[in-house]
Amino acid sequence: MDLKSCGVFPFGNWNGGELCLFEPKLVLDLQPGDLFIFPSSDITHFNLHMSGKRFSLVFQTDREIVGWKETRNDWLPHMAPGTI
């Protein structure tokens, strides 16, 4: 449920674990230190099986932050004045 995009930054020592993007039919063999940015809300994605140790920093843009800014995710009518 990203607003615009998601960034993936893998690191570690592993074999396999390719990132698959279903709709565009892509299989990406990301390496340690690669940064891949894609619209994760619009593309079905998953990783293949892997061995070793793999870690990822995942950066995302939160779609719900827009609702929080506009209506406090529908809590605004229930909030005490001056708490915003």
C-alpha atoms as a PDB file:
ATOM      1  CA  MET A   1       0.000   0.000   0.000  1.00  0.00           C
ATOM      2  CA  ASP A   2       2.742   2.449  -0.942  1.00  0.00           C
ATOM      3  CA  LEU A   3       1.814   5.927  -2.051  1.00  0.00           C
ATOM      4  CA  LYS A   4       4.273   6.062  -4.930  1.00  0.00           C
ATOM      5  CA  SER A   5       7.275   3.802  -4.655  1.00  0.00           C
ATOM      6  CA  CYS A   6       9.319   1.379  -2.604  1.00  0.00           C
ATOM      7  CA  GLY A   7      13.085   1.048  -2.424  1.00  0.00           C
ATOM      8  CA  VAL A   8      14.889  -2.210  -1.640  1.00  0.00           C
ATOM      9  CA  PHE A   9      18.549  -2.251  -0.542  1.00  0.00           C
ATOM     10  CA  PRO A  10      19.796  -5.848   0.024  1.00  0.00           C
ATOM     11  CA  PHE A  11      22.958  -6.768   1.875  1.00  0.00           C
ATOM     12  CA  GLY A  12      24.535  -9.934   3.214  1.00  0.00           C
ATOM     13  CA  ASN A  13      25.986 -13.090   1.664  1.00  0.00           C
ATOM     14  CA  TRP A  14      23.463 -15.283  -0.135  1.00  0.00           C
ATOM     15  CA  ASN A  15      22.723 -17.347  -3.230  1.00  0.00           C
ATOM     16  CA  GLY A  16      19.396 -17.187  -5.033  1.00  0.00           C
ATOM     17  CA  GLY A  17      16.577 -15.023  -3.691  1.00  0.00           C
ATOM     18  CA  GLU A  18      15.954 -13.161  -6.936  1.00  0.00           C
ATOM     19  CA  LEU A  19      13.259 -10.485  -6.836  1.00  0.00           C
ATOM     20  CA  CYS A  20      10.406 -11.384  -9.186  1.00  0.00           C
ATOM     21  CA  LEU A  21       8.080  -8.751 -10.617  1.00  0.00           C
ATOM     22  CA  PHE A  22       5.056 -10.646 -11.887  1.00  0.00           C
ATOM     23  CA  GLU A  23       3.222  -8.288 -14.265  1.00  0.00           C
ATOM     24  CA  PRO A  24       6.298  -7.034 -16.176  1.00  0.00           C
ATOM     25  CA  LYS A  25       7.699 -10.607 -16.101  1.00  0.00           C
ATOM     26  CA  LEU A  26      11.083  -9.588 -14.681  1.00  0.00           C
ATOM     27  CA  VAL A  27      13.469 -11.550 -12.476  1.00  0.00           C
ATOM     28  CA  LEU A  28      16.144  -9.366 -10.865  1.00  0.00           C
ATOM     29  CA  ASP A  29      19.308 -10.777  -9.360  1.00  0.00           C
ATOM     30  CA  LEU A  30      19.980  -7.942  -6.914  1.00  0.00           C
ATOM     31  CA  GLN A  31      23.449  -7.910  -5.391  1.00  0.00           C
ATOM     32  CA  PRO A  32      24.645  -6.516  -2.051  1.00  0.00           C
ATOM     33  CA  GLY A  33      24.506  -2.734  -2.183  1.00  0.00           C
ATOM     34  CA  ASP A  34      22.089  -2.500  -5.125  1.00  0.00           C
ATOM     35  CA  LEU A  35      19.176  -0.116  -4.703  1.00  0.00           C
ATOM     36  CA  PHE A  36      16.025  -0.953  -6.628  1.00  0.00           C
ATOM     37  CA  ILE A  37      13.047   1.409  -6.631  1.00  0.00           C
ATOM     38  CA  PHE A  38       9.672   0.334  -8.035  1.00  0.00           C
ATOM     39  CA  PRO A  39       5.934   0.975  -7.577  1.00  0.00           C
ATOM     40  CA  SER A  40       5.311  -1.961  -5.247  1.00  0.00           C
ATOM     41  CA  SER A  41       1.576  -1.251  -4.851  1.00  0.00           C
ATOM     42  CA  ASP A  42       1.075  -1.745  -8.578  1.00  0.00           C
ATOM     43  CA  ILE A  43       3.307  -4.771  -9.170  1.00  0.00           C
ATOM     44  CA  THR A  44       2.947  -8.206  -7.593  1.00  0.00           C
ATOM     45  CA  HIS A  45       6.394  -9.093  -6.254  1.00  0.00           C
ATOM     46  CA  PHE A  46       8.113 -11.892  -4.362  1.00  0.00           C
ATOM     47  CA  ASN A  47      11.525 -13.463  -3.806  1.00  0.00           C
ATOM     48  CA  LEU A  48      12.664 -16.892  -4.942  1.00  0.00           C
ATOM     49  CA  HIS A  49      14.184 -19.335  -2.471  1.00  0.00           C
ATOM     50  CA  MET A  50      17.678 -18.525  -1.272  1.00  0.00           C
ATOM     51  CA  SER A  51      20.451 -19.830   0.939  1.00  0.00           C
ATOM     52  CA  GLY A  52      22.814 -17.882   3.159  1.00  0.00           C
ATOM     53  CA  LYS A  53      22.097 -14.685   5.047  1.00  0.00           C
ATOM     54  CA  ARG A  54      20.249 -11.893   3.311  1.00  0.00           C
ATOM     55  CA  PHE A  55      19.003  -8.696   4.863  1.00  0.00           C
ATOM     56  CA  SER A  56      17.141  -5.848   3.212  1.00  0.00           C
ATOM     57  CA  LEU A  57      16.451  -2.260   4.078  1.00  0.00           C
ATOM     58  CA  VAL A  58      13.055  -1.443   2.622  1.00  0.00           C
ATOM     59  CA  PHE A  59      12.052   2.166   2.142  1.00  0.00           C
ATOM     60  CA  GLN A  60       8.423   2.899   1.430  1.00  0.00           C
ATOM     61  CA  THR A  61       6.092   5.831   0.958  1.00  0.00           C
ATOM     62  CA  ASP A  62       3.051   5.399   3.174  1.00  0.00           C
ATOM     63  CA  ARG A  63      -0.307   5.920   1.438  1.00  0.00           C
ATOM     64  CA  GLU A  64      -2.072   6.424   4.773  1.00  0.00           C
ATOM     65  CA  ILE A  65       0.017   9.512   5.567  1.00  0.00           C
ATOM     66  CA  VAL A  66      -2.187  11.496   3.150  1.00  0.00           C
ATOM     67  CA  GLY A  67      -5.293  10.539   5.151  1.00  0.00           C
ATOM     68  CA  TRP A  68      -3.549  11.485   8.368  1.00  0.00           C
ATOM     69  CA  LYS A  69      -2.653  14.914   7.013  1.00  0.00           C
ATOM     70  CA  GLU A  70      -6.180  15.603   5.751  1.00  0.00           C
ATOM     71  CA  THR A  71      -8.509  14.033   8.357  1.00  0.00           C
ATOM     72  CA  ARG A  72      -6.221  12.311  10.877  1.00  0.00           C
ATOM     73  CA  ASN A  73      -7.488   9.066   9.264  1.00  0.00           C
ATOM     74  CA  ASP A  74     -11.074  10.008  10.204  1.00  0.00           C
ATOM     75  CA  TRP A  75     -10.164  10.695  13.856  1.00  0.00           C
ATOM     76  CA  LEU A  76     -10.277  14.493  13.424  1.00  0.00           C
ATOM     77  CA  PRO A  77     -13.909  14.905  14.657  1.00  0.00           C
ATOM     78  CA  HIS A  78     -13.014  12.965  17.823  1.00  0.00           C
ATOM     79  CA  MET A  79      -9.855  14.883  18.717  1.00  0.00           C
ATOM     80  CA  ALA A  80      -9.810  17.612  21.320  1.00  0.00           C
ATOM     81  CA  PRO A  81      -9.188  21.121  19.965  1.00  0.00           C
ATOM     82  CA  GLY A  82      -5.549  22.129  20.059  1.00  0.00           C
ATOM     83  CA  THR A  83      -4.197  18.546  19.907  1.00  0.00           C
ATOM     84  CA  ILE A  84      -3.395  18.665  16.230  1.00  0.00           C
END
